[in-house]
Amino acid sequence: MKTRLGAIFLIAVGCAALPAAAQDVLLYSNGTPPPQLSSGPTTDSGVAAPVGTNWSECQHPTGDTTQANTSAGSTVQNTTFRVADDFTVGAPGWTANFVDIYAYQTGSPATPSPFATAVARIWGPCTPGTTPGDAGCTAIAFGDVTTNRLVSSTDATLFRLFNTVAPPPGTAPGTTRKIWRNHISLGVTLTPGYYWLEYGTTVTNAGVHFAPTITVPGIRGLPGWNARQFAVAGGTWAAVIDVGNPATAPDFPQDFPFEIYGVFVPVELMTFEVK
């Protein structure tokens, strides 16, 4: 005799079965561990960070103090510039609900956060290897550059620095570049494929501010880094390149840290007949 059971199973690839009210999980981190910004509690010159914080010091190659990265960040003021970086969605897809991005305004007060708004849009799916605006990357999967999607802005407990030893004599450390974690709402289901996240922010005093690039101590850049910056006035994209200090140092492409949170897309709801 066969008995039909009324059980319904939710199947998800790469994770356990999700409950009806699934909690957001970290779907993707551009930089590991997130955020890939900390260089540790002590500068290269030996100065300790304030209690409970870390430095984010522009890096120089291990064993080479003749050169260092020279850019602490790229302008991300939405009215003039936005930045973008790529990511890949695996099967069966994502429902991306939030993204955390990082920014600072030099000289802003320690509290409250200076960040007032944030915009975001997602390009794709794109042909792998293409960048926003290319023939293979023209579709907008989500978002726009006018809707404020900023949910919260919290202290990332990091201070951005230029390198304190390279090239000699280095730059004295300070706490004028406090990094903030900006939590931005998304709410979009993405099919498997190659995408780009574009974002920009504004601050309460309408001043210039910056998105710090990924920091890997001892390495000025890594293969595959390919971040872009969009100039609003000219309507053009350009690669984010650190030209190095001194000017004779090699150029290195850069990347921006961000984390996407949400849930994996369920494959299907299935009923089973068991004997």
Protein backbone atom coordinates (compact mmCIF):
# COMPACT_ATOMS: atom_id res chain seq x y z
CA MET A 1 0.00 0.00 0.00
CA LYS A 2 1.27 3.49 -0.84
CA THR A 3 0.87 6.35 1.57
CA ARG A 4 0.94 9.90 0.19
CA LEU A 5 2.69 12.25 2.58
CA GLY A 6 1.81 15.93 2.48
CA ALA A 7 5.29 17.13 3.38
CA ILE A 8 6.71 19.93 1.26
CA PHE A 9 10.47 20.42 1.11
CA LEU A 10 12.26 23.67 0.20
CA ILE A 11 15.44 22.87 -1.69
CA ALA A 12 18.28 25.41 -1.96
CA VAL A 13 21.63 24.83 -3.62
CA GLY A 14 24.68 25.45 -1.45
CA CYS A 15 22.88 25.84 1.86
CA ALA A 16 20.46 24.11 4.19
CA ALA A 17 16.73 24.31 3.60
CA LEU A 18 15.62 27.87 4.24
CA PRO A 19 12.76 28.61 6.64
CA ALA A 20 9.78 30.63 5.45
CA ALA A 21 11.18 33.79 7.04
CA ALA A 22 14.85 33.30 6.10
CA GLN A 23 17.40 35.64 7.58
CA ASP A 24 19.79 37.53 5.32
CA VAL A 25 23.23 35.96 5.00
CA LEU A 26 26.46 37.20 3.50
CA LEU A 27 26.18 36.32 -0.18
CA TYR A 28 29.35 37.97 -1.43
CA SER A 29 32.34 39.87 -0.08
CA ASN A 30 34.61 41.86 -2.36
CA GLY A 31 37.69 41.40 -0.22
CA THR A 32 38.19 38.71 2.42
CA PRO A 33 37.67 38.89 5.33
CA PRO A 34 35.08 41.65 5.15
CA PRO A 35 35.81 44.46 5.06
CA GLN A 36 39.25 44.11 3.45
CA LEU A 37 40.36 47.47 4.82
CA SER A 38 42.18 46.89 8.10
CA SER A 39 45.98 46.99 8.20
CA GLY A 40 45.97 46.22 11.93
CA PRO A 41 46.19 48.04 15.27
CA THR A 42 49.71 49.42 14.67
CA THR A 43 51.05 51.53 11.81
CA ASP A 44 54.12 50.48 9.85
CA SER A 45 55.94 53.13 11.88
CA GLY A 46 54.81 51.53 15.18
CA VAL A 47 52.03 53.88 16.32
CA ALA A 48 49.04 52.22 18.03
CA ALA A 49 45.49 52.98 16.89
CA PRO A 50 42.96 54.38 19.38
CA VAL A 51 41.54 51.68 21.66
CA GLY A 52 38.96 49.52 19.89
CA THR A 53 39.97 50.62 16.38
CA ASN A 54 42.39 49.66 13.62
CA TRP A 55 44.29 51.55 10.98
CA SER A 56 43.64 51.27 7.25
CA GLU A 57 47.09 52.21 5.99
CA CYS A 58 47.97 52.53 2.32
CA GLN A 59 50.22 49.57 1.63
CA HIS A 60 53.79 49.18 0.42
CA PRO A 61 55.34 45.99 -0.93
CA THR A 62 56.75 43.64 1.68
CA GLY A 63 60.46 44.36 2.12
CA ASP A 64 60.35 47.45 -0.11
CA THR A 65 59.97 50.87 1.51
CA THR A 66 60.93 52.81 -1.61
CA GLN A 67 57.30 52.92 -2.81
CA ALA A 68 53.72 52.81 -1.55
CA ASN A 69 50.17 53.32 -2.73
CA THR A 70 49.51 57.03 -2.92
CA SER A 71 45.69 57.15 -3.07
CA ALA A 72 43.75 56.78 0.17
CA GLY A 73 40.46 56.74 -1.73
CA SER A 74 38.48 57.72 -4.82
CA THR A 75 35.89 60.50 -4.90
CA VAL A 76 32.42 59.00 -4.51
CA GLN A 77 30.32 62.16 -4.22
CA ASN A 78 27.20 61.27 -6.18
CA THR A 79 26.83 64.68 -7.82
CA THR A 80 30.31 64.48 -9.36
CA PHE A 81 31.63 60.92 -9.25
CA ARG A 82 30.44 57.37 -8.58
CA VAL A 83 32.43 54.15 -8.37
CA ALA A 84 31.77 50.56 -9.41
CA ASP A 85 33.17 47.07 -8.95
CA ASP A 86 32.25 43.65 -10.28
CA PHE A 87 30.83 40.47 -8.76
CA THR A 88 29.50 37.12 -9.95
CA VAL A 89 26.21 35.50 -8.93
CA GLY A 90 26.33 31.71 -8.76
CA ALA A 91 23.50 29.21 -9.28
CA PRO A 92 20.63 29.18 -8.48
CA GLY A 93 20.71 32.97 -8.03
CA TRP A 94 20.34 35.50 -5.22
CA THR A 95 17.78 37.78 -3.70
CA ALA A 96 20.12 40.63 -2.80
CA ASN A 97 18.51 42.74 -0.06
CA PHE A 98 21.33 44.98 1.16
CA VAL A 99 24.88 46.02 0.38
CA ASP A 100 27.46 47.57 2.72
CA ILE A 101 29.91 50.06 1.19
CA TYR A 102 32.61 52.16 2.88
CA ALA A 103 33.48 55.85 2.71
CA TYR A 104 35.08 58.69 4.67
CA GLN A 105 35.16 62.49 4.68
CA THR A 106 38.48 63.99 5.73
CA GLY A 107 38.12 66.17 8.81
CA SER A 108 34.46 65.38 9.53
CA PRO A 109 33.40 65.19 13.21
CA ALA A 110 33.83 61.85 15.00
CA THR A 111 30.07 61.68 15.45
CA PRO A 112 27.45 61.60 14.05
CA SER A 113 28.08 60.11 10.63
CA PRO A 114 28.41 62.76 7.92
CA PHE A 115 26.66 60.54 5.34
CA ALA A 116 23.19 61.66 4.32
CA THR A 117 22.22 59.66 1.21
CA ALA A 118 23.40 56.78 -0.94
CA VAL A 119 22.41 55.59 -4.40
CA ALA A 120 23.06 52.21 -6.00
CA ARG A 121 22.40 50.40 -9.22
CA ILE A 122 23.42 47.02 -10.57
CA TRP A 123 24.53 46.52 -14.17
CA GLY A 124 24.01 43.15 -15.81
CA PRO A 125 24.03 40.39 -16.50
CA CYS A 126 27.12 41.44 -18.45
CA THR A 127 29.48 39.56 -20.72
CA PRO A 128 32.38 38.46 -18.48
CA GLY A 129 35.29 40.84 -18.79
CA THR A 130 33.18 43.83 -19.88
CA THR A 131 32.62 46.97 -17.81
CA PRO A 132 29.61 49.32 -17.44
CA GLY A 133 28.87 51.06 -20.70
CA ASP A 134 30.61 48.47 -22.87
CA ALA A 135 28.62 46.77 -25.62
CA GLY A 136 28.34 43.67 -23.44
CA CYS A 137 27.30 45.55 -20.30
CA THR A 138 24.47 48.00 -20.97
CA ALA A 139 21.50 46.55 -19.07
CA ILE A 140 20.52 47.86 -15.63
CA ALA A 141 19.24 45.02 -13.45
CA PHE A 142 18.31 47.28 -10.55
CA GLY A 143 18.35 50.78 -9.15
CA ASP A 144 19.06 54.31 -10.28
CA VAL A 145 21.27 57.25 -9.35
CA THR A 146 18.58 59.42 -7.73
CA THR A 147 16.74 57.29 -5.14
CA ASN A 148 18.17 57.49 -1.63
CA ARG A 149 18.68 53.91 -0.42
CA LEU A 150 20.77 54.62 2.70
CA VAL A 151 19.41 52.64 5.66
CA SER A 152 22.14 53.40 8.22
CA SER A 153 25.70 54.67 8.53
CA THR A 154 27.80 53.20 11.34
CA ASP A 155 31.35 53.53 12.59
CA ALA A 156 33.61 50.95 10.89
CA THR A 157 36.21 51.46 13.68
CA LEU A 158 38.88 52.18 11.07
CA PHE A 159 41.00 55.23 10.26
CA ARG A 160 42.39 55.67 6.74
CA LEU A 161 46.10 56.61 6.49
CA PHE A 162 48.77 57.28 3.93
CA ASN A 163 51.80 55.05 4.47
CA THR A 164 53.83 56.03 7.51
CA VAL A 165 57.24 54.73 6.38
CA ALA A 166 57.26 54.47 2.58
CA PRO A 167 58.74 56.22 0.81
CA PRO A 168 60.85 57.80 3.59
CA PRO A 169 60.10 59.68 5.73
CA GLY A 170 56.48 58.54 5.37
CA THR A 171 53.38 60.42 6.57
CA ALA A 172 52.48 60.94 10.24
CA PRO A 173 49.35 58.99 11.27
CA GLY A 174 46.14 60.71 12.34
CA THR A 175 42.45 60.16 12.96
CA THR A 176 40.97 62.68 10.51
CA ARG A 177 39.81 60.03 8.02
CA LYS A 178 37.25 57.98 9.93
CA ILE A 179 35.69 55.26 7.78
CA TRP A 180 31.94 54.67 7.90
CA ARG A 181 30.00 51.55 6.89
CA ASN A 182 26.98 52.59 4.82
CA HIS A 183 24.15 50.03 4.76
CA ILE A 184 22.16 50.36 1.52
CA SER A 185 18.84 48.68 0.65
CA LEU A 186 18.54 46.71 -2.59
CA GLY A 187 15.74 44.15 -2.85
CA VAL A 188 16.39 42.51 -6.21
CA THR A 189 16.53 38.92 -7.44
CA LEU A 190 19.55 38.25 -9.64
CA THR A 191 19.95 35.29 -11.96
CA PRO A 192 23.38 33.62 -12.23
CA GLY A 193 25.83 35.79 -14.14
CA TYR A 194 28.38 38.59 -14.11
CA TYR A 195 27.38 41.99 -12.66
CA TRP A 196 28.71 45.38 -11.57
CA LEU A 197 27.67 47.34 -8.47
CA GLU A 198 27.72 51.13 -8.93
CA TYR A 199 27.25 53.49 -5.97
CA GLY A 200 27.60 57.07 -4.82
CA THR A 201 26.95 58.99 -1.60
CA THR A 202 26.34 62.50 -0.27
CA VAL A 203 27.24 64.11 3.05
CA THR A 204 25.43 66.64 5.18
CA ASN A 205 27.74 69.53 4.30
CA ALA A 206 27.77 68.64 0.56
CA GLY A 207 31.56 68.31 0.71
CA VAL A 208 33.98 66.02 -1.09
CA HIS A 209 34.40 62.53 0.33
CA PHE A 210 36.02 59.27 -0.68
CA ALA A 211 35.65 55.49 -1.01
CA PRO A 212 38.77 53.73 0.34
CA THR A 213 40.20 50.95 -1.80
CA ILE A 214 40.89 47.40 -0.60
CA THR A 215 43.94 47.17 1.63
CA VAL A 216 46.12 44.06 1.63
CA PRO A 217 49.24 44.74 3.73
CA GLY A 218 52.43 44.06 1.81
CA ILE A 219 50.78 44.13 -1.63
CA ARG A 220 49.97 47.25 -3.65
CA GLY A 221 47.48 45.45 -5.87
CA LEU A 222 46.26 41.99 -6.89
CA PRO A 223 45.56 40.36 -10.28
CA GLY A 224 41.93 40.81 -11.29
CA TRP A 225 41.39 44.13 -9.51
CA ASN A 226 39.44 46.27 -11.97
CA ALA A 227 37.38 48.95 -10.18
CA ARG A 228 35.92 51.83 -12.20
CA GLN A 229 34.99 55.45 -11.51
CA PHE A 230 32.29 57.42 -13.37
CA ALA A 231 32.69 61.16 -13.98
CA VAL A 232 29.21 62.71 -14.02
CA ALA A 233 30.24 65.86 -15.91
CA GLY A 234 31.89 64.00 -18.78
CA GLY A 235 29.70 60.91 -18.66
CA THR A 236 32.78 58.70 -18.89
CA TRP A 237 34.15 55.67 -17.05
CA ALA A 238 37.82 55.22 -16.16
CA ALA A 239 39.86 52.53 -14.43
CA VAL A 240 40.77 53.19 -10.78
CA ILE A 241 44.57 53.14 -10.81
CA ASP A 242 47.02 53.87 -8.00
CA VAL A 243 50.01 55.52 -9.66
CA GLY A 244 52.22 55.06 -6.62
CA ASN A 245 54.46 57.25 -4.51
CA PRO A 246 56.96 58.28 -5.87
CA ALA A 247 55.62 58.98 -9.34
CA THR A 248 58.19 56.61 -10.83
CA ALA A 249 56.63 53.66 -8.97
CA PRO A 250 54.58 51.11 -10.96
CA ASP A 251 50.85 51.67 -11.47
CA PHE A 252 48.40 49.20 -9.89
CA PRO A 253 44.65 48.76 -10.58
CA GLN A 254 42.52 48.87 -7.43
CA ASP A 255 39.29 47.36 -6.04
CA PHE A 256 36.63 48.56 -3.57
CA PRO A 257 35.40 46.56 -0.57
CA PHE A 258 31.68 45.79 -0.32
CA GLU A 259 29.42 43.05 1.03
CA ILE A 260 26.10 41.88 -0.37
CA TYR A 261 23.50 40.34 1.98
CA GLY A 262 20.32 38.42 1.17
CA VAL A 263 19.17 34.86 0.53
CA PHE A 264 19.82 32.20 -2.07
CA VAL A 265 16.99 31.75 -4.53
CA PRO A 266 15.09 28.49 -3.84
CA VAL A 267 15.28 26.00 -6.70
CA GLU A 268 11.65 24.89 -6.38
CA LEU A 269 9.02 23.58 -4.04
CA MET A 270 8.68 19.82 -4.44
CA THR A 271 6.18 17.23 -3.17
CA PHE A 272 7.27 13.65 -2.68
CA GLU A 273 5.27 10.41 -2.70
CA VAL A 274 6.92 7.74 -0.52
CA LYS A 275 6.19 4.06 -0.16
